[in-house]
Amino acid sequence: MTVVLDGRCLCSREEAHDHLVQNLSLPAYYGRNLDALYDALTDRGEPLHIIIEHAQDTAGYGLRIMNTIADAANNTSALTFEKKGC
């Protein structure tokens, strides 16, 4: 499965987690923080490719989100990550 995230929606903490929940089908118990995001991404069994469009417009908390996704992708063979618009 491929999921496209909009980097412009990742800049504030609240908006970022709303966007992630909506697009990544995260579990109901998702803790809406970076550790919970990492855990949710590395616990997935099925392959997932995440694309972040408008990555150049991502700042602040969004950069931390991208780093967390990249770290999870480096430690999970079922997850791949790509930035577009850099």
C-alpha atoms as a PDB file:
ATOM      1  CA  MET A   1       0.000   0.000   0.000  1.00  0.00           C
ATOM      2  CA  THR A   2       1.149   3.534  -0.746  1.00  0.00           C
ATOM      3  CA  VAL A   3       0.113   6.498   1.389  1.00  0.00           C
ATOM      4  CA  VAL A   4       0.719  10.081   0.307  1.00  0.00           C
ATOM      5  CA  LEU A   5       1.032  12.669   3.063  1.00  0.00           C
ATOM      6  CA  ASP A   6       1.003  16.428   2.536  1.00  0.00           C
ATOM      7  CA  GLY A   7       4.049  18.000   4.174  1.00  0.00           C
ATOM      8  CA  ARG A   8       2.142  21.265   4.554  1.00  0.00           C
ATOM      9  CA  CYS A   9      -0.173  19.483   7.011  1.00  0.00           C
ATOM     10  CA  LEU A  10       2.628  18.323   9.294  1.00  0.00           C
ATOM     11  CA  CYS A  11       3.898  21.580  10.739  1.00  0.00           C
ATOM     12  CA  SER A  12       1.896  21.823  13.950  1.00  0.00           C
ATOM     13  CA  ARG A  13       1.727  18.915  16.355  1.00  0.00           C
ATOM     14  CA  GLU A  14      -2.069  18.692  16.477  1.00  0.00           C
ATOM     15  CA  GLU A  15      -2.576  19.089  12.724  1.00  0.00           C
ATOM     16  CA  ALA A  16       0.210  16.605  11.987  1.00  0.00           C
ATOM     17  CA  HIS A  17      -1.267  13.846  14.128  1.00  0.00           C
ATOM     18  CA  ASP A  18      -4.760  14.498  12.739  1.00  0.00           C
ATOM     19  CA  HIS A  19      -3.307  14.123   9.221  1.00  0.00           C
ATOM     20  CA  LEU A  20      -1.411  10.951  10.162  1.00  0.00           C
ATOM     21  CA  VAL A  21      -4.435   9.320  11.809  1.00  0.00           C
ATOM     22  CA  GLN A  22      -6.617  10.117   8.827  1.00  0.00           C
ATOM     23  CA  ASN A  23      -4.187   8.868   6.188  1.00  0.00           C
ATOM     24  CA  LEU A  24      -2.300   6.015   7.852  1.00  0.00           C
ATOM     25  CA  SER A  25      -5.271   4.227   9.448  1.00  0.00           C
ATOM     26  CA  LEU A  26      -3.519   4.226  12.803  1.00  0.00           C
ATOM     27  CA  PRO A  27      -5.025   2.132  15.609  1.00  0.00           C
ATOM     28  CA  ALA A  28      -7.539   3.629  18.044  1.00  0.00           C
ATOM     29  CA  TYR A  29      -4.976   3.504  20.856  1.00  0.00           C
ATOM     30  CA  TYR A  30      -2.456   5.612  18.871  1.00  0.00           C
ATOM     31  CA  GLY A  31      -0.857   7.996  21.377  1.00  0.00           C
ATOM     32  CA  ARG A  32      -0.445  10.994  19.032  1.00  0.00           C
ATOM     33  CA  ASN A  33       3.262  11.441  19.705  1.00  0.00           C
ATOM     34  CA  LEU A  34       6.491  10.527  17.903  1.00  0.00           C
ATOM     35  CA  ASP A  35       7.164   7.381  19.939  1.00  0.00           C
ATOM     36  CA  ALA A  36       3.641   6.120  19.224  1.00  0.00           C
ATOM     37  CA  LEU A  37       4.105   6.904  15.517  1.00  0.00           C
ATOM     38  CA  TYR A  38       7.362   4.949  15.423  1.00  0.00           C
ATOM     39  CA  ASP A  39       5.737   1.998  17.210  1.00  0.00           C
ATOM     40  CA  ALA A  40       2.694   2.024  14.905  1.00  0.00           C
ATOM     41  CA  LEU A  41       4.899   2.095  11.801  1.00  0.00           C
ATOM     42  CA  THR A  42       7.298  -0.625  12.931  1.00  0.00           C
ATOM     43  CA  ASP A  43       4.502  -2.920  14.159  1.00  0.00           C
ATOM     44  CA  ARG A  44       2.763  -3.072  10.773  1.00  0.00           C
ATOM     45  CA  GLY A  45       2.848  -6.452   9.097  1.00  0.00           C
ATOM     46  CA  GLU A  46       1.941  -5.453   5.550  1.00  0.00           C
ATOM     47  CA  PRO A  47       4.209  -3.452   3.222  1.00  0.00           C
ATOM     48  CA  LEU A  48       3.739   0.306   3.342  1.00  0.00           C
ATOM     49  CA  HIS A  49       5.313   3.014   1.193  1.00  0.00           C
ATOM     50  CA  ILE A  50       4.933   6.556   2.572  1.00  0.00           C
ATOM     51  CA  ILE A  51       5.399   9.525   0.261  1.00  0.00           C
ATOM     52  CA  ILE A  52       5.520  13.035   1.691  1.00  0.00           C
ATOM     53  CA  GLU A  53       4.656  15.607  -0.947  1.00  0.00           C
ATOM     54  CA  HIS A  54       5.618  19.252  -0.464  1.00  0.00           C
ATOM     55  CA  ALA A  55       8.417  18.113   1.830  1.00  0.00           C
ATOM     56  CA  GLN A  56      10.161  21.429   1.224  1.00  0.00           C
ATOM     57  CA  ASP A  57       7.264  23.152   3.009  1.00  0.00           C
ATOM     58  CA  THR A  58       7.600  20.983   6.094  1.00  0.00           C
ATOM     59  CA  ALA A  59       9.113  22.753   9.081  1.00  0.00           C
ATOM     60  CA  GLY A  60       9.310  22.484  12.852  1.00  0.00           C
ATOM     61  CA  TYR A  61       7.391  19.481  14.114  1.00  0.00           C
ATOM     62  CA  GLY A  62       6.996  18.198  10.555  1.00  0.00           C
ATOM     63  CA  LEU A  63      10.740  17.693  10.288  1.00  0.00           C
ATOM     64  CA  ARG A  64      10.598  15.555  13.434  1.00  0.00           C
ATOM     65  CA  ILE A  65       7.745  13.548  11.873  1.00  0.00           C
ATOM     66  CA  MET A  66       9.808  12.957   8.719  1.00  0.00           C
ATOM     67  CA  ASN A  67      12.818  11.896  10.795  1.00  0.00           C
ATOM     68  CA  THR A  68      10.655   9.469  12.765  1.00  0.00           C
ATOM     69  CA  ILE A  69       9.228   7.946   9.573  1.00  0.00           C
ATOM     70  CA  ALA A  70      12.721   7.687   8.060  1.00  0.00           C
ATOM     71  CA  ASP A  71      14.053   6.025  11.218  1.00  0.00           C
ATOM     72  CA  ALA A  72      11.169   3.533  11.227  1.00  0.00           C
ATOM     73  CA  ALA A  73      11.797   2.791   7.526  1.00  0.00           C
ATOM     74  CA  ASN A  74      15.484   2.153   8.258  1.00  0.00           C
ATOM     75  CA  ASN A  75      14.523  -0.385  10.923  1.00  0.00           C
ATOM     76  CA  THR A  76      11.552  -2.093   9.261  1.00  0.00           C
ATOM     77  CA  SER A  77      11.778  -3.969   5.980  1.00  0.00           C
ATOM     78  CA  ALA A  78       8.027  -3.590   5.294  1.00  0.00           C
ATOM     79  CA  LEU A  79       8.229   0.228   5.357  1.00  0.00           C
ATOM     80  CA  THR A  80       9.709   2.517   2.712  1.00  0.00           C
ATOM     81  CA  PHE A  81       9.761   6.301   2.683  1.00  0.00           C
ATOM     82  CA  GLU A  82      10.130   8.950   0.001  1.00  0.00           C
ATOM     83  CA  LYS A  83      10.134  12.753   0.070  1.00  0.00           C
ATOM     84  CA  LYS A  84       8.925  14.738  -2.932  1.00  0.00           C
ATOM     85  CA  GLY A  85       9.317  18.419  -3.596  1.00  0.00           C
ATOM     86  CA  CYS A  86      12.651  18.911  -1.879  1.00  0.00           C
END
